[in-house]
Amino acid sequence: MKILAFSDVHMARSRAADLVAASAEADLVIGAGDFCNMRQGLTEAMEMFAGVTAPMIVVPGNAESHDELAKAANPNMTVLHGSGCKVLGLEIFGLGYAVPETPFGGWSCDLSEDEAERMLAKCENADIMVVHSPPKGVADVTSAGLSIGSVAIHAAIERVQPKLALCGHIHDCWGRSGKIGETLVCNLGPTVTWFEIDP
């Protein structure tokens, strides 16, 4: 199965157009959050992905809330946040928002490590985990050299051992990857990234 995955488009129209064009070859499309900017323009951001016809799994980033994304989502999109679904034979679990909390202020949709841990506890098994924030220690380093990923997400990946864990959020680590046990962890960014996975 061919999976197209991305994160952090932030309303960049040219990035969205590239992703929509590539999606014609995809069996499944995954968006790991931050479609808009600072809670503004989400409806327009979703319209940019109207050309995607494949099933699409999305999680909210810290730039949009779960309720906002669920309301604006296109008909082919399934929104996950502390929840899972089965699509094309794959078990997928998603958790959006920034974990831990950001210093960005009231517009940012954040979770504490404790809140994330409680939500991730619902995940007993998954082929793919889609999380907006990276796990602590993997693809989570800022330009200032700070590791700001989530301890709770790292622990959940270690426990569940999905085939893939897909994230974004830390722009300085777009395109970086690493492993937690047997799980491949990838910080996606807004470019076309392909994965092949069998149910």
Protein backbone atom coordinates (compact mmCIF):
# COMPACT_ATOMS: atom_id res chain seq x y z
CA MET A 1 0.00 0.00 0.00
CA LYS A 2 1.32 3.45 -0.94
CA ILE A 3 0.93 6.08 1.76
CA LEU A 4 1.55 9.80 1.20
CA ALA A 5 2.24 11.66 4.45
CA PHE A 6 2.96 15.26 5.41
CA SER A 7 2.72 17.81 8.21
CA ASP A 8 2.88 21.55 8.81
CA VAL A 9 1.57 22.92 5.53
CA HIS A 10 0.55 26.15 7.32
CA MET A 11 -1.55 27.32 4.36
CA ALA A 12 1.34 27.20 1.87
CA ARG A 13 -0.65 26.90 -1.34
CA SER A 14 2.23 25.60 -3.49
CA ARG A 15 3.02 22.86 -0.92
CA ALA A 16 -0.64 21.82 -0.84
CA ALA A 17 -0.79 21.73 -4.65
CA ASP A 18 2.25 19.43 -4.79
CA LEU A 19 0.68 17.12 -2.22
CA VAL A 20 -2.67 17.02 -4.01
CA ALA A 21 -0.97 16.21 -7.31
CA ALA A 22 1.06 13.41 -5.73
CA SER A 23 -2.00 12.01 -3.97
CA ALA A 24 -3.33 10.66 -7.27
CA GLU A 25 -0.85 7.79 -6.78
CA ALA A 26 -1.70 7.21 -3.10
CA ASP A 27 -3.89 4.55 -1.51
CA LEU A 28 -3.96 6.57 1.72
CA VAL A 29 -3.00 10.14 2.67
CA ILE A 30 -1.96 11.16 6.20
CA GLY A 31 -1.75 14.75 7.48
CA ALA A 32 -0.01 15.19 10.85
CA GLY A 33 -1.41 18.60 11.76
CA ASP A 34 -0.87 22.34 11.37
CA PHE A 35 -2.92 22.97 8.26
CA CYS A 36 -3.53 26.65 9.07
CA ASN A 37 -1.84 29.42 11.09
CA MET A 38 -2.68 30.43 14.66
CA ARG A 39 -6.27 29.11 14.39
CA GLN A 40 -6.94 31.24 11.30
CA GLY A 41 -7.85 30.14 7.76
CA LEU A 42 -8.66 26.48 8.40
CA THR A 43 -11.61 26.37 6.00
CA GLU A 44 -9.40 27.76 3.23
CA ALA A 45 -6.66 25.27 4.16
CA MET A 46 -9.09 22.37 3.84
CA GLU A 47 -10.22 23.66 0.45
CA MET A 48 -6.62 23.36 -0.74
CA PHE A 49 -6.92 19.58 -0.21
CA ALA A 50 -10.29 19.18 -1.93
CA GLY A 51 -8.58 17.47 -4.87
CA VAL A 52 -7.48 14.50 -2.74
CA THR A 53 -9.75 11.55 -3.51
CA ALA A 54 -7.96 8.87 -1.47
CA PRO A 55 -8.99 8.25 2.14
CA MET A 56 -7.24 10.79 4.36
CA ILE A 57 -6.35 10.50 8.05
CA VAL A 58 -5.61 13.79 9.83
CA VAL A 59 -4.78 14.95 13.35
CA PRO A 60 -4.97 18.52 14.61
CA GLY A 61 -1.72 20.36 15.10
CA ASN A 62 -1.30 23.12 17.63
CA ALA A 63 -2.51 25.63 15.01
CA GLU A 64 -6.06 24.21 14.95
CA SER A 65 -8.25 22.55 17.56
CA HIS A 66 -9.83 19.12 17.26
CA ASP A 67 -13.33 20.61 17.06
CA GLU A 68 -12.26 23.16 14.44
CA LEU A 69 -10.66 20.46 12.30
CA ALA A 70 -13.61 18.09 12.65
CA LYS A 71 -15.98 20.85 11.54
CA ALA A 72 -13.84 21.94 8.55
CA ALA A 73 -12.66 18.50 7.40
CA ASN A 74 -13.39 17.32 3.86
CA PRO A 75 -15.74 14.32 3.42
CA ASN A 76 -12.87 11.88 2.77
CA MET A 77 -11.05 12.88 5.98
CA THR A 78 -11.11 10.99 9.28
CA VAL A 79 -10.00 13.19 12.20
CA LEU A 80 -8.19 11.39 15.03
CA HIS A 81 -7.25 12.86 18.41
CA GLY A 82 -6.83 10.36 21.21
CA SER A 83 -8.64 7.88 19.00
CA GLY A 84 -8.07 5.24 16.35
CA CYS A 85 -9.63 3.74 13.26
CA LYS A 86 -9.12 0.93 10.80
CA VAL A 87 -8.68 1.94 7.16
CA LEU A 88 -7.72 -0.32 4.25
CA GLY A 89 -6.80 -3.03 6.76
CA LEU A 90 -4.45 -0.79 8.80
CA GLU A 91 -4.96 0.10 12.46
CA ILE A 92 -4.16 3.79 12.87
CA PHE A 93 -4.11 5.79 16.12
CA GLY A 94 -3.80 9.56 16.22
CA LEU A 95 -2.99 12.26 18.76
CA GLY A 96 -2.84 15.91 17.80
CA TYR A 97 -1.73 19.12 19.54
CA ALA A 98 1.66 20.16 20.88
CA VAL A 99 3.06 17.99 23.67
CA PRO A 100 4.34 19.30 26.03
CA GLU A 101 2.89 22.80 26.19
CA THR A 102 4.42 25.51 23.99
CA PRO A 103 5.30 29.09 24.99
CA PHE A 104 3.15 30.41 22.13
CA GLY A 105 0.21 31.64 24.18
CA GLY A 106 -3.54 31.23 24.08
CA TRP A 107 -3.95 30.40 20.39
CA SER A 108 -1.82 27.24 20.58
CA CYS A 109 -3.59 23.90 21.13
CA ASP A 110 -1.37 22.12 23.64
CA LEU A 111 -1.46 19.10 25.94
CA SER A 112 0.52 18.44 29.10
CA GLU A 113 2.50 15.22 29.27
CA ASP A 114 -0.06 13.84 31.75
CA GLU A 115 -2.97 14.66 29.43
CA ALA A 116 -1.17 13.07 26.49
CA GLU A 117 -0.34 9.98 28.52
CA ARG A 118 -4.00 9.49 29.45
CA MET A 119 -5.12 9.88 25.82
CA LEU A 120 -2.40 7.58 24.49
CA ALA A 121 -3.32 4.89 27.02
CA LYS A 122 -6.34 4.12 24.80
CA CYS A 123 -3.96 2.83 22.11
CA GLU A 124 -3.42 -0.89 22.61
CA ASN A 125 -2.14 -1.69 19.13
CA ALA A 126 -1.52 0.18 15.90
CA ASP A 127 0.21 -0.27 12.58
CA ILE A 128 0.70 3.51 12.33
CA MET A 129 0.68 6.21 15.00
CA VAL A 130 0.08 9.75 13.74
CA VAL A 131 1.13 12.38 16.28
CA HIS A 132 1.66 16.07 15.73
CA SER A 133 4.54 16.31 18.22
CA PRO A 134 7.64 14.13 17.93
CA PRO A 135 8.69 11.74 20.67
CA LYS A 136 11.37 12.91 23.07
CA GLY A 137 14.81 12.22 21.65
CA VAL A 138 13.87 11.56 18.01
CA ALA A 139 13.61 14.31 15.35
CA ASP A 140 12.72 16.82 18.07
CA VAL A 141 15.66 19.26 18.25
CA THR A 142 15.16 22.99 17.68
CA SER A 143 17.63 25.30 15.97
CA ALA A 144 18.79 26.26 19.48
CA GLY A 145 19.74 22.64 20.14
CA LEU A 146 16.88 21.91 22.54
CA SER A 147 15.19 18.50 22.55
CA ILE A 148 11.51 19.36 23.07
CA GLY A 149 9.68 16.20 22.07
CA SER A 150 7.16 14.36 24.22
CA VAL A 151 8.06 11.82 26.89
CA ALA A 152 4.50 10.44 26.79
CA ILE A 153 4.59 9.95 23.02
CA HIS A 154 8.00 8.23 23.25
CA ALA A 155 6.66 5.86 25.91
CA ALA A 156 3.55 5.05 23.86
CA ILE A 157 5.58 4.26 20.76
CA GLU A 158 7.90 2.10 22.84
CA ARG A 159 4.91 0.23 24.32
CA VAL A 160 2.81 -0.21 21.17
CA GLN A 161 5.63 -0.64 18.61
CA PRO A 162 3.73 0.43 15.48
CA LYS A 163 5.43 -0.04 12.14
CA LEU A 164 5.45 3.74 11.62
CA ALA A 165 5.15 6.79 13.85
CA LEU A 166 4.57 9.96 11.83
CA CYS A 167 4.95 13.45 13.32
CA GLY A 168 5.80 17.07 12.54
CA HIS A 169 5.69 20.23 14.71
CA ILE A 170 9.46 20.83 15.06
CA HIS A 171 10.22 22.54 11.75
CA ASP A 172 13.99 22.30 12.25
CA CYS A 173 13.71 18.49 12.06
CA TRP A 174 11.56 18.13 8.94
CA GLY A 175 12.82 15.14 7.00
CA ARG A 176 14.61 13.61 10.00
CA SER A 177 13.91 10.10 11.22
CA GLY A 178 15.01 7.60 13.83
CA LYS A 179 13.90 4.42 15.54
CA ILE A 180 12.28 3.52 18.83
CA GLY A 181 12.65 -0.23 19.08
CA GLU A 182 11.43 -1.52 15.72
CA THR A 183 9.31 1.56 14.99
CA LEU A 184 10.44 4.00 12.31
CA VAL A 185 9.74 7.56 13.49
CA CYS A 186 9.60 10.29 10.82
CA ASN A 187 9.21 14.06 11.21
CA LEU A 188 7.47 14.76 7.94
CA GLY A 189 7.25 18.44 7.02
CA PRO A 190 5.17 19.80 4.13
CA THR A 191 6.85 17.95 1.26
CA VAL A 192 5.78 14.77 -0.53
CA THR A 193 6.92 11.77 1.55
CA TRP A 194 6.06 8.20 0.60
CA PHE A 195 5.81 5.01 2.65
CA GLU A 196 5.01 1.47 1.57
CA ILE A 197 3.27 -0.64 4.21
CA ASP A 198 1.26 -3.85 4.06
CA PRO A 199 -1.76 -4.46 6.30
